[in-house]
Amino acid sequence: MHQAIAPSLEAWASFYVIVGSSAGALTGLQFVVMTLISASGRTGGLETISAFGSPNVVHFCASLLVASILSIPWRGLHTAGVAVALSGALGVVYVLIVMRRAARQRTYQPVFEDWLWHVALPILAYAVLFVAGGVLAGAVPDSLFFIGPAALLLVFIGIHNAWDTVTFLTATSGQPSPPPPSGPPATPSE
């Protein structure tokens, strides 16, 4: 690794070991959550899982990816920055897809907190990765002070959303899943 770059990335090594290891381990948590959903007898359907379950794994893996990118012994910050920026851009696109999925699914009616944790905060984290990655590509190591918290935010988002799913299932256990709407609402006849 180039001598001028080594201190910038090496100073963050422990941070990325913690974040990356946590993200990798917490990916397994989502498998537990999915098992609980299956065992609960509640059927949310593929649309609901792709809107509220799968994104958690993606956020954990994105955080793991950023930690891995910044642990590579790069010869310069440019390539690392481009890789982080690309990860952020792909994350923004993915969250927009998740937003569309959440709006289209009919099993669960999202509330403000859902939009905050499943759309607003992830898009913020990925946008920060995109911008800070671009700044890092310009050899500005201070952008690491934005990349690190953004990667950590993705881990916290995944933890929150997995916990939210488990508590929702626990609170509603024993209750049958509401049937999805089958058509337009009936109008009362006069």
N, C-alpha and C. Protein backbone atom coordinates (compact mmCIF):
# COMPACT_ATOMS: atom_id res chain seq x y z
N MET A 1 0.85 -1.17 0.00
CA MET A 1 0.00 0.00 0.00
C MET A 1 0.90 1.24 0.00
N HIS A 2 0.49 2.24 -0.71
CA HIS A 2 1.25 3.49 -0.79
C HIS A 2 1.35 4.11 0.60
N GLN A 3 2.51 4.64 0.94
CA GLN A 3 2.76 5.17 2.28
C GLN A 3 1.79 6.27 2.69
N ALA A 4 1.40 7.17 1.77
CA ALA A 4 0.50 8.27 2.12
C ALA A 4 -0.92 7.78 2.36
N ILE A 5 -1.28 6.67 1.75
CA ILE A 5 -2.64 6.15 1.87
C ILE A 5 -2.79 5.25 3.08
N ALA A 6 -1.77 4.52 3.40
CA ALA A 6 -1.82 3.54 4.48
C ALA A 6 -2.37 4.11 5.78
N PRO A 7 -1.89 5.25 6.27
CA PRO A 7 -2.43 5.75 7.54
C PRO A 7 -3.93 6.07 7.48
N SER A 8 -4.40 6.58 6.34
CA SER A 8 -5.82 6.93 6.22
C SER A 8 -6.71 5.72 6.39
N LEU A 9 -6.40 4.65 5.67
CA LEU A 9 -7.24 3.45 5.73
C LEU A 9 -6.92 2.59 6.95
N GLU A 10 -5.66 2.53 7.33
CA GLU A 10 -5.29 1.70 8.49
C GLU A 10 -5.91 2.23 9.78
N ALA A 11 -6.10 3.53 9.87
CA ALA A 11 -6.71 4.11 11.07
C ALA A 11 -8.14 3.61 11.26
N TRP A 12 -8.77 3.18 10.18
CA TRP A 12 -10.15 2.70 10.22
C TRP A 12 -10.25 1.18 10.26
N ALA A 13 -9.14 0.48 10.27
CA ALA A 13 -9.14 -0.98 10.15
C ALA A 13 -10.01 -1.65 11.22
N SER A 14 -9.84 -1.28 12.48
CA SER A 14 -10.63 -1.90 13.55
C SER A 14 -12.11 -1.63 13.38
N PHE A 15 -12.44 -0.40 12.99
CA PHE A 15 -13.83 -0.03 12.77
C PHE A 15 -14.46 -0.95 11.72
N TYR A 16 -13.78 -1.13 10.60
CA TYR A 16 -14.34 -1.95 9.53
C TYR A 16 -14.33 -3.44 9.85
N VAL A 17 -13.44 -3.89 10.70
CA VAL A 17 -13.49 -5.27 11.16
C VAL A 17 -14.76 -5.47 11.99
N ILE A 18 -15.05 -4.52 12.86
CA ILE A 18 -16.25 -4.62 13.69
C ILE A 18 -17.52 -4.53 12.84
N VAL A 19 -17.59 -3.52 11.98
CA VAL A 19 -18.79 -3.32 11.16
C VAL A 19 -18.99 -4.49 10.20
N GLY A 20 -17.92 -4.89 9.53
CA GLY A 20 -18.02 -5.99 8.57
C GLY A 20 -18.39 -7.30 9.24
N SER A 21 -17.76 -7.60 10.37
CA SER A 21 -18.08 -8.83 11.09
C SER A 21 -19.52 -8.82 11.59
N SER A 22 -19.94 -7.68 12.11
CA SER A 22 -21.32 -7.56 12.59
C SER A 22 -22.31 -7.74 11.45
N ALA A 23 -22.04 -7.09 10.32
CA ALA A 23 -22.94 -7.20 9.18
C ALA A 23 -23.02 -8.64 8.69
N GLY A 24 -21.88 -9.32 8.64
CA GLY A 24 -21.88 -10.72 8.22
C GLY A 24 -22.67 -11.60 9.17
N ALA A 25 -22.45 -11.42 10.46
CA ALA A 25 -23.15 -12.23 11.46
C ALA A 25 -24.65 -11.92 11.49
N LEU A 26 -24.98 -10.64 11.34
CA LEU A 26 -26.39 -10.25 11.41
C LEU A 26 -27.18 -10.69 10.18
N THR A 27 -26.49 -10.99 9.11
CA THR A 27 -27.19 -11.55 7.95
C THR A 27 -27.88 -12.85 8.38
N GLY A 28 -27.23 -13.61 9.24
CA GLY A 28 -27.83 -14.82 9.78
C GLY A 28 -29.08 -14.53 10.59
N LEU A 29 -29.12 -13.39 11.25
CA LEU A 29 -30.30 -13.00 12.02
C LEU A 29 -31.52 -12.92 11.11
N GLN A 30 -31.32 -12.42 9.92
CA GLN A 30 -32.45 -12.31 9.00
C GLN A 30 -32.98 -13.68 8.61
N PHE A 31 -32.10 -14.68 8.54
CA PHE A 31 -32.57 -16.03 8.26
C PHE A 31 -33.43 -16.54 9.42
N VAL A 32 -33.06 -16.18 10.64
CA VAL A 32 -33.88 -16.54 11.80
C VAL A 32 -35.24 -15.86 11.72
N VAL A 33 -35.23 -14.58 11.35
CA VAL A 33 -36.49 -13.84 11.21
C VAL A 33 -37.39 -14.51 10.17
N MET A 34 -36.80 -14.89 9.04
CA MET A 34 -37.60 -15.52 8.00
C MET A 34 -38.15 -16.87 8.46
N THR A 35 -37.38 -17.58 9.28
CA THR A 35 -37.85 -18.84 9.83
C THR A 35 -39.02 -18.60 10.78
N LEU A 36 -38.92 -17.55 11.58
CA LEU A 36 -40.03 -17.20 12.48
C LEU A 36 -41.29 -16.84 11.70
N ILE A 37 -41.11 -16.13 10.62
CA ILE A 37 -42.26 -15.77 9.79
C ILE A 37 -42.92 -17.04 9.26
N SER A 38 -42.10 -17.94 8.77
CA SER A 38 -42.61 -19.19 8.23
C SER A 38 -43.33 -20.00 9.31
N ALA A 39 -42.73 -20.06 10.50
CA ALA A 39 -43.30 -20.85 11.60
C ALA A 39 -44.56 -20.20 12.18
N SER A 40 -44.72 -18.90 11.98
CA SER A 40 -45.87 -18.21 12.56
C SER A 40 -47.16 -18.54 11.84
N GLY A 41 -47.05 -19.06 10.63
CA GLY A 41 -48.26 -19.36 9.88
C GLY A 41 -48.81 -18.17 9.14
N ARG A 42 -48.20 -17.02 9.33
CA ARG A 42 -48.66 -15.82 8.63
C ARG A 42 -48.06 -15.85 7.23
N THR A 43 -48.87 -15.58 6.28
CA THR A 43 -48.38 -15.56 4.92
C THR A 43 -48.41 -14.13 4.42
N GLY A 44 -47.24 -13.60 4.15
CA GLY A 44 -47.17 -12.24 3.67
C GLY A 44 -47.02 -12.17 2.17
N GLY A 45 -46.59 -13.24 1.60
CA GLY A 45 -46.41 -13.25 0.17
C GLY A 45 -45.05 -12.71 -0.22
N LEU A 46 -44.68 -13.02 -1.44
CA LEU A 46 -43.39 -12.63 -1.97
C LEU A 46 -43.22 -11.11 -2.03
N GLU A 47 -44.30 -10.41 -2.37
CA GLU A 47 -44.22 -8.95 -2.46
C GLU A 47 -43.84 -8.32 -1.11
N THR A 48 -44.46 -8.80 -0.05
CA THR A 48 -44.20 -8.25 1.28
C THR A 48 -42.79 -8.60 1.75
N ILE A 49 -42.37 -9.82 1.50
CA ILE A 49 -41.01 -10.22 1.88
C ILE A 49 -39.98 -9.42 1.11
N SER A 50 -40.20 -9.20 -0.19
CA SER A 50 -39.24 -8.44 -0.98
C SER A 50 -39.24 -6.97 -0.62
N ALA A 51 -40.30 -6.49 0.02
CA ALA A 51 -40.36 -5.09 0.44
C ALA A 51 -39.82 -4.88 1.85
N PHE A 52 -40.03 -5.86 2.75
CA PHE A 52 -39.68 -5.65 4.15
C PHE A 52 -38.67 -6.65 4.71
N GLY A 53 -38.40 -7.73 4.04
CA GLY A 53 -37.46 -8.74 4.55
C GLY A 53 -36.13 -8.73 3.83
N SER A 54 -36.19 -8.94 2.54
CA SER A 54 -34.96 -9.01 1.73
C SER A 54 -34.07 -7.78 1.84
N PRO A 55 -34.62 -6.57 1.91
CA PRO A 55 -33.75 -5.40 2.02
C PRO A 55 -32.81 -5.45 3.22
N ASN A 56 -33.22 -6.09 4.30
CA ASN A 56 -32.33 -6.17 5.47
C ASN A 56 -31.05 -6.91 5.13
N VAL A 57 -31.18 -8.02 4.40
CA VAL A 57 -30.01 -8.77 3.99
C VAL A 57 -29.15 -7.92 3.06
N VAL A 58 -29.77 -7.19 2.17
CA VAL A 58 -29.02 -6.32 1.25
C VAL A 58 -28.27 -5.24 2.03
N HIS A 59 -28.91 -4.63 3.04
CA HIS A 59 -28.24 -3.59 3.84
C HIS A 59 -27.06 -4.18 4.61
N PHE A 60 -27.25 -5.35 5.20
CA PHE A 60 -26.14 -6.00 5.90
C PHE A 60 -25.00 -6.29 4.93
N CYS A 61 -25.34 -6.84 3.78
CA CYS A 61 -24.31 -7.19 2.79
C CYS A 61 -23.63 -5.95 2.22
N ALA A 62 -24.38 -4.86 2.05
CA ALA A 62 -23.77 -3.62 1.55
C ALA A 62 -22.77 -3.09 2.56
N SER A 63 -23.12 -3.16 3.83
CA SER A 63 -22.19 -2.73 4.88
C SER A 63 -20.95 -3.61 4.90
N LEU A 64 -21.15 -4.90 4.76
CA LEU A 64 -20.02 -5.84 4.68
C LEU A 64 -19.16 -5.54 3.46
N LEU A 65 -19.80 -5.22 2.34
CA LEU A 65 -19.07 -4.89 1.11
C LEU A 65 -18.21 -3.65 1.29
N VAL A 66 -18.78 -2.59 1.87
CA VAL A 66 -18.01 -1.36 2.09
C VAL A 66 -16.84 -1.63 3.03
N ALA A 67 -17.08 -2.39 4.09
CA ALA A 67 -15.99 -2.73 5.02
C ALA A 67 -14.90 -3.51 4.29
N SER A 68 -15.31 -4.40 3.42
CA SER A 68 -14.34 -5.19 2.66
C SER A 68 -13.57 -4.32 1.67
N ILE A 69 -14.28 -3.45 0.98
CA ILE A 69 -13.63 -2.55 0.01
C ILE A 69 -12.55 -1.73 0.70
N LEU A 70 -12.87 -1.21 1.86
CA LEU A 70 -11.93 -0.33 2.54
C LEU A 70 -10.87 -1.09 3.33
N SER A 71 -10.94 -2.42 3.30
CA SER A 71 -9.90 -3.23 3.92
C SER A 71 -8.90 -3.78 2.90
N ILE A 72 -9.18 -3.55 1.64
CA ILE A 72 -8.27 -4.01 0.58
C ILE A 72 -7.03 -3.11 0.59
N PRO A 73 -5.85 -3.67 0.40
CA PRO A 73 -4.64 -2.85 0.38
C PRO A 73 -4.47 -2.11 -0.95
N TRP A 74 -5.26 -1.06 -1.13
CA TRP A 74 -5.26 -0.28 -2.36
C TRP A 74 -3.94 0.47 -2.54
N ARG A 75 -3.58 0.72 -3.77
CA ARG A 75 -2.41 1.56 -4.08
C ARG A 75 -2.78 3.03 -4.05
N GLY A 76 -4.05 3.32 -4.14
CA GLY A 76 -4.52 4.71 -4.10
C GLY A 76 -5.97 4.75 -3.64
N LEU A 77 -6.40 5.92 -3.22
CA LEU A 77 -7.77 6.07 -2.74
C LEU A 77 -8.78 6.12 -3.88
N HIS A 78 -8.32 6.43 -5.08
CA HIS A 78 -9.25 6.60 -6.21
C HIS A 78 -10.10 5.35 -6.44
N THR A 79 -9.47 4.21 -6.58
CA THR A 79 -10.20 2.97 -6.86
C THR A 79 -11.14 2.60 -5.71
N ALA A 80 -10.67 2.76 -4.50
CA ALA A 80 -11.53 2.48 -3.34
C ALA A 80 -12.75 3.41 -3.35
N GLY A 81 -12.51 4.68 -3.64
CA GLY A 81 -13.60 5.65 -3.68
C GLY A 81 -14.62 5.33 -4.76
N VAL A 82 -14.13 4.95 -5.93
CA VAL A 82 -15.04 4.59 -7.02
C VAL A 82 -15.88 3.37 -6.63
N ALA A 83 -15.26 2.39 -6.01
CA ALA A 83 -15.98 1.19 -5.58
C ALA A 83 -17.06 1.52 -4.55
N VAL A 84 -16.73 2.39 -3.59
CA VAL A 84 -17.72 2.79 -2.58
C VAL A 84 -18.83 3.60 -3.23
N ALA A 85 -18.48 4.52 -4.13
CA ALA A 85 -19.48 5.34 -4.81
C ALA A 85 -20.42 4.46 -5.64
N LEU A 86 -19.87 3.48 -6.32
CA LEU A 86 -20.70 2.57 -7.11
C LEU A 86 -21.64 1.78 -6.21
N SER A 87 -21.14 1.34 -5.07
CA SER A 87 -21.98 0.63 -4.09
C SER A 87 -23.13 1.53 -3.63
N GLY A 88 -22.81 2.79 -3.36
CA GLY A 88 -23.84 3.74 -2.93
C GLY A 88 -24.88 3.98 -4.01
N ALA A 89 -24.43 4.13 -5.25
CA ALA A 89 -25.37 4.37 -6.36
C ALA A 89 -26.30 3.17 -6.54
N LEU A 90 -25.75 1.97 -6.50
CA LEU A 90 -26.58 0.77 -6.63
C LEU A 90 -27.56 0.66 -5.46
N GLY A 91 -27.11 1.07 -4.28
CA GLY A 91 -27.99 1.05 -3.11
C GLY A 91 -29.16 2.01 -3.26
N VAL A 92 -28.91 3.20 -3.79
CA VAL A 92 -30.00 4.16 -4.02
C VAL A 92 -31.03 3.57 -4.97
N VAL A 93 -30.56 2.98 -6.06
CA VAL A 93 -31.47 2.36 -7.03
C VAL A 93 -32.27 1.25 -6.35
N TYR A 94 -31.60 0.44 -5.55
CA TYR A 94 -32.28 -0.66 -4.87
C TYR A 94 -33.37 -0.14 -3.93
N VAL A 95 -33.07 0.90 -3.18
CA VAL A 95 -34.07 1.44 -2.24
C VAL A 95 -35.28 1.98 -3.00
N LEU A 96 -35.06 2.57 -4.16
CA LEU A 96 -36.20 3.04 -4.97
C LEU A 96 -37.07 1.85 -5.41
N ILE A 97 -36.44 0.73 -5.73
CA ILE A 97 -37.18 -0.49 -6.06
C ILE A 97 -37.95 -0.98 -4.84
N VAL A 98 -37.31 -0.96 -3.67
CA VAL A 98 -37.97 -1.38 -2.43
C VAL A 98 -39.17 -0.48 -2.14
N MET A 99 -39.01 0.82 -2.37
CA MET A 99 -40.11 1.76 -2.13
C MET A 99 -41.31 1.39 -3.01
N ARG A 100 -41.04 1.08 -4.26
CA ARG A 100 -42.12 0.68 -5.17
C ARG A 100 -42.77 -0.61 -4.69
N ARG A 101 -41.95 -1.58 -4.25
CA ARG A 101 -42.49 -2.85 -3.76
C ARG A 101 -43.36 -2.64 -2.52
N ALA A 102 -42.89 -1.79 -1.61
CA ALA A 102 -43.65 -1.52 -0.38
C ALA A 102 -44.99 -0.87 -0.69
N ALA A 103 -45.00 0.01 -1.67
CA ALA A 103 -46.25 0.68 -2.03
C ALA A 103 -47.21 -0.27 -2.74
N ARG A 104 -46.69 -1.23 -3.48
CA ARG A 104 -47.54 -2.14 -4.27
C ARG A 104 -48.08 -3.32 -3.47
N GLN A 105 -47.35 -3.78 -2.46
CA GLN A 105 -47.81 -4.96 -1.73
C GLN A 105 -49.08 -4.60 -0.96
N ARG A 106 -49.92 -5.58 -0.74
CA ARG A 106 -51.23 -5.33 -0.13
C ARG A 106 -51.45 -6.06 1.19
N THR A 107 -50.45 -6.78 1.68
CA THR A 107 -50.62 -7.55 2.90
C THR A 107 -50.52 -6.67 4.14
N TYR A 108 -49.71 -5.64 4.08
CA TYR A 108 -49.45 -4.80 5.24
C TYR A 108 -49.48 -3.34 4.79
N GLN A 109 -50.12 -2.50 5.56
CA GLN A 109 -50.19 -1.07 5.24
C GLN A 109 -49.07 -0.34 5.98
N PRO A 110 -48.01 0.09 5.26
CA PRO A 110 -46.89 0.75 5.93
C PRO A 110 -47.32 2.07 6.59
N VAL A 111 -46.70 2.35 7.73
CA VAL A 111 -46.93 3.60 8.45
C VAL A 111 -45.67 4.46 8.33
N PHE A 112 -45.70 5.66 8.90
CA PHE A 112 -44.57 6.58 8.77
C PHE A 112 -43.24 5.93 9.18
N GLU A 113 -43.24 5.23 10.30
CA GLU A 113 -42.00 4.60 10.78
C GLU A 113 -41.45 3.61 9.75
N ASP A 114 -42.33 2.90 9.06
CA ASP A 114 -41.88 1.96 8.03
C ASP A 114 -41.20 2.71 6.88
N TRP A 115 -41.82 3.79 6.44
CA TRP A 115 -41.22 4.58 5.35
C TRP A 115 -39.89 5.18 5.79
N LEU A 116 -39.80 5.57 7.05
CA LEU A 116 -38.55 6.13 7.57
C LEU A 116 -37.44 5.09 7.55
N TRP A 117 -37.70 3.91 8.13
CA TRP A 117 -36.66 2.90 8.30
C TRP A 117 -36.42 2.04 7.07
N HIS A 118 -37.40 1.91 6.20
CA HIS A 118 -37.24 1.07 5.03
C HIS A 118 -36.90 1.85 3.77
N VAL A 119 -37.13 3.17 3.78
CA VAL A 119 -36.86 3.96 2.58
C VAL A 119 -35.97 5.17 2.88
N ALA A 120 -36.40 6.06 3.77
CA ALA A 120 -35.69 7.33 3.97
C ALA A 120 -34.27 7.14 4.50
N LEU A 121 -34.12 6.40 5.60
CA LEU A 121 -32.79 6.20 6.17
C LEU A 121 -31.87 5.38 5.25
N PRO A 122 -32.36 4.30 4.62
CA PRO A 122 -31.47 3.60 3.69
C PRO A 122 -31.04 4.47 2.51
N ILE A 123 -31.96 5.25 1.96
CA ILE A 123 -31.57 6.08 0.81
C ILE A 123 -30.57 7.14 1.25
N LEU A 124 -30.71 7.64 2.47
CA LEU A 124 -29.74 8.59 3.01
C LEU A 124 -28.36 7.92 3.13
N ALA A 125 -28.32 6.73 3.70
CA ALA A 125 -27.04 6.02 3.88
C ALA A 125 -26.37 5.75 2.54
N TYR A 126 -27.15 5.26 1.58
CA TYR A 126 -26.57 4.96 0.26
C TYR A 126 -26.15 6.23 -0.48
N ALA A 127 -26.92 7.30 -0.33
CA ALA A 127 -26.55 8.57 -0.98
C ALA A 127 -25.25 9.11 -0.39
N VAL A 128 -25.10 8.98 0.93
CA VAL A 128 -23.85 9.41 1.57
C VAL A 128 -22.69 8.56 1.06
N LEU A 129 -22.89 7.26 0.92
CA LEU A 129 -21.83 6.40 0.37
C LEU A 129 -21.47 6.84 -1.05
N PHE A 130 -22.47 7.17 -1.84
CA PHE A 130 -22.22 7.60 -3.22
C PHE A 130 -21.39 8.89 -3.25
N VAL A 131 -21.82 9.89 -2.51
CA VAL A 131 -21.13 11.18 -2.52
C VAL A 131 -19.75 11.06 -1.86
N ALA A 132 -19.69 10.46 -0.69
CA ALA A 132 -18.41 10.35 0.02
C ALA A 132 -17.44 9.46 -0.73
N GLY A 133 -17.94 8.44 -1.41
CA GLY A 133 -17.08 7.60 -2.25
C GLY A 133 -16.47 8.41 -3.38
N GLY A 134 -17.29 9.29 -3.98
CA GLY A 134 -16.77 10.16 -5.02
C GLY A 134 -15.71 11.12 -4.50
N VAL A 135 -15.92 11.63 -3.30
CA VAL A 135 -14.93 12.51 -2.68
C VAL A 135 -13.67 11.73 -2.35
N LEU A 136 -13.83 10.50 -1.85
CA LEU A 136 -12.67 9.67 -1.56
C LEU A 136 -11.88 9.38 -2.84
N ALA A 137 -12.59 9.20 -3.95
CA ALA A 137 -11.93 8.96 -5.24
C ALA A 137 -11.05 10.14 -5.62
N GLY A 138 -11.39 11.33 -5.11
CA GLY A 138 -10.57 12.51 -5.32
C GLY A 138 -9.45 12.62 -4.31
N ALA A 139 -9.17 11.55 -3.60
CA ALA A 139 -8.07 11.45 -2.62
C ALA A 139 -8.26 12.37 -1.42
N VAL A 140 -9.50 12.44 -0.91
CA VAL A 140 -9.78 13.22 0.29
C VAL A 140 -10.14 12.23 1.40
N PRO A 141 -9.14 11.86 2.22
CA PRO A 141 -9.39 10.83 3.24
C PRO A 141 -10.41 11.23 4.30
N ASP A 142 -10.70 12.52 4.47
CA ASP A 142 -11.70 12.93 5.46
C ASP A 142 -13.09 12.40 5.11
N SER A 143 -13.30 12.00 3.86
CA SER A 143 -14.60 11.44 3.48
C SER A 143 -14.87 10.12 4.20
N LEU A 144 -13.81 9.51 4.75
CA LEU A 144 -13.99 8.28 5.52
C LEU A 144 -14.86 8.53 6.76
N PHE A 145 -14.92 9.79 7.22
CA PHE A 145 -15.76 10.13 8.37
C PHE A 145 -17.24 10.17 7.99
N PHE A 146 -17.55 10.06 6.72
CA PHE A 146 -18.93 9.95 6.27
C PHE A 146 -19.23 8.51 5.83
N ILE A 147 -18.25 7.86 5.22
CA ILE A 147 -18.44 6.49 4.75
C ILE A 147 -18.65 5.55 5.94
N GLY A 148 -17.85 5.67 6.97
CA GLY A 148 -17.96 4.80 8.15
C GLY A 148 -19.34 4.88 8.80
N PRO A 149 -19.80 6.08 9.14
CA PRO A 149 -21.15 6.15 9.74
C PRO A 149 -22.26 5.68 8.80
N ALA A 150 -22.11 5.89 7.51
CA ALA A 150 -23.14 5.41 6.57
C ALA A 150 -23.19 3.89 6.57
N ALA A 151 -22.03 3.24 6.58
CA ALA A 151 -22.00 1.77 6.64
C ALA A 151 -22.58 1.27 7.95
N LEU A 152 -22.27 1.94 9.04
CA LEU A 152 -22.82 1.56 10.34
C LEU A 152 -24.33 1.79 10.39
N LEU A 153 -24.80 2.87 9.77
CA LEU A 153 -26.24 3.13 9.71
C LEU A 153 -26.97 1.99 9.01
N LEU A 154 -26.37 1.44 7.96
CA LEU A 154 -27.01 0.31 7.27
C LEU A 154 -27.14 -0.89 8.20
N VAL A 155 -26.16 -1.11 9.05
CA VAL A 155 -26.25 -2.21 10.03
C VAL A 155 -27.38 -1.92 11.02
N PHE A 156 -27.45 -0.69 11.53
CA PHE A 156 -28.52 -0.34 12.48
C PHE A 156 -29.90 -0.44 11.83
N ILE A 157 -30.00 -0.05 10.56
CA ILE A 157 -31.27 -0.17 9.84
C ILE A 157 -31.69 -1.64 9.77
N GLY A 158 -30.76 -2.50 9.40
CA GLY A 158 -31.07 -3.93 9.33
C GLY A 158 -31.48 -4.50 10.67
N ILE A 159 -30.78 -4.10 11.73
CA ILE A 159 -31.14 -4.57 13.07
C ILE A 159 -32.53 -4.09 13.44
N HIS A 160 -32.80 -2.81 13.26
CA HIS A 160 -34.11 -2.26 13.59
C HIS A 160 -35.22 -2.97 12.84
N ASN A 161 -35.02 -3.12 11.52
CA ASN A 161 -36.08 -3.69 10.70
C ASN A 161 -36.31 -5.17 11.01
N ALA A 162 -35.26 -5.92 11.30
CA ALA A 162 -35.42 -7.32 11.68
C ALA A 162 -36.15 -7.41 13.03
N TRP A 163 -35.75 -6.56 13.97
CA TRP A 163 -36.41 -6.56 15.29
C TRP A 163 -37.87 -6.13 15.15
N ASP A 164 -38.13 -5.15 14.32
CA ASP A 164 -39.49 -4.67 14.10
C ASP A 164 -40.37 -5.80 13.55
N THR A 165 -39.81 -6.59 12.65
CA THR A 165 -40.55 -7.71 12.09
C THR A 165 -40.86 -8.75 13.16
N VAL A 166 -39.87 -9.08 13.98
CA VAL A 166 -40.07 -10.06 15.04
C VAL A 166 -41.10 -9.57 16.05
N THR A 167 -41.03 -8.32 16.46
CA THR A 167 -42.00 -7.81 17.44
C THR A 167 -43.40 -7.73 16.83
N PHE A 168 -43.49 -7.39 15.56
CA PHE A 168 -44.80 -7.38 14.89
C PHE A 168 -45.40 -8.77 14.89
N LEU A 169 -44.57 -9.77 14.53
CA LEU A 169 -45.07 -11.14 14.51
C LEU A 169 -45.46 -11.63 15.89
N THR A 170 -44.68 -11.25 16.90
CA THR A 170 -44.98 -11.65 18.27
C THR A 170 -46.28 -11.01 18.74
N ALA A 171 -46.44 -9.73 18.46
CA ALA A 171 -47.64 -9.01 18.91
C ALA A 171 -48.89 -9.48 18.20
N THR A 172 -48.74 -9.96 16.98
CA THR A 172 -49.92 -10.38 16.22
C THR A 172 -50.04 -11.89 16.12
N SER A 173 -49.23 -12.63 16.90
CA SER A 173 -49.30 -14.09 16.81
C SER A 173 -50.68 -14.56 17.26
N GLY A 174 -51.14 -15.59 16.60
CA GLY A 174 -52.46 -16.12 16.92
C GLY A 174 -53.55 -15.44 16.14
N GLN A 175 -53.23 -14.33 15.51
CA GLN A 175 -54.22 -13.63 14.69
C GLN A 175 -54.01 -14.07 13.25
N PRO A 176 -55.07 -14.36 12.56
CA PRO A 176 -54.90 -14.76 11.16
C PRO A 176 -54.44 -13.56 10.32
N SER A 177 -53.74 -13.87 9.26
CA SER A 177 -53.33 -12.81 8.34
C SER A 177 -54.56 -12.22 7.69
N PRO A 178 -54.58 -10.90 7.56
CA PRO A 178 -55.74 -10.30 6.89
C PRO A 178 -55.71 -10.69 5.41
N PRO A 179 -56.88 -10.99 4.86
CA PRO A 179 -56.89 -11.36 3.45
C PRO A 179 -56.54 -10.14 2.60
N PRO A 180 -55.81 -10.35 1.52
CA PRO A 180 -55.50 -9.22 0.65
C PRO A 180 -56.75 -8.74 -0.05
N PRO A 181 -56.84 -7.45 -0.34
CA PRO A 181 -58.02 -6.95 -1.03
C PRO A 181 -58.15 -7.64 -2.39
N SER A 182 -59.39 -7.99 -2.75
CA SER A 182 -59.59 -8.73 -3.99
C SER A 182 -60.06 -7.84 -5.13
N GLY A 183 -60.30 -6.61 -4.86
CA GLY A 183 -60.77 -5.72 -5.93
C GLY A 183 -61.09 -4.36 -5.36
N PRO A 184 -61.77 -3.55 -6.14
CA PRO A 184 -62.12 -2.23 -5.64
C PRO A 184 -63.11 -2.33 -4.50
N PRO A 185 -63.06 -1.37 -3.57
CA PRO A 185 -63.99 -1.43 -2.44
C PRO A 185 -65.44 -1.36 -2.92
N ALA A 186 -66.27 -2.11 -2.23
CA ALA A 186 -67.69 -2.12 -2.57
C ALA A 186 -68.32 -0.80 -2.14
N THR A 187 -69.22 -0.30 -2.96
CA THR A 187 -69.94 0.93 -2.60
C THR A 187 -71.27 0.52 -2.01
N PRO A 188 -71.69 1.23 -0.95
CA PRO A 188 -72.96 0.86 -0.33
C PRO A 188 -74.12 1.14 -1.31
N SER A 189 -75.06 0.22 -1.33
CA SER A 189 -76.23 0.43 -2.21
C SER A 189 -77.28 1.18 -1.43
N GLU A 190 -78.04 1.96 -2.17
CA GLU A 190 -79.09 2.77 -1.53
C GLU A 190 -80.40 2.10 -1.58
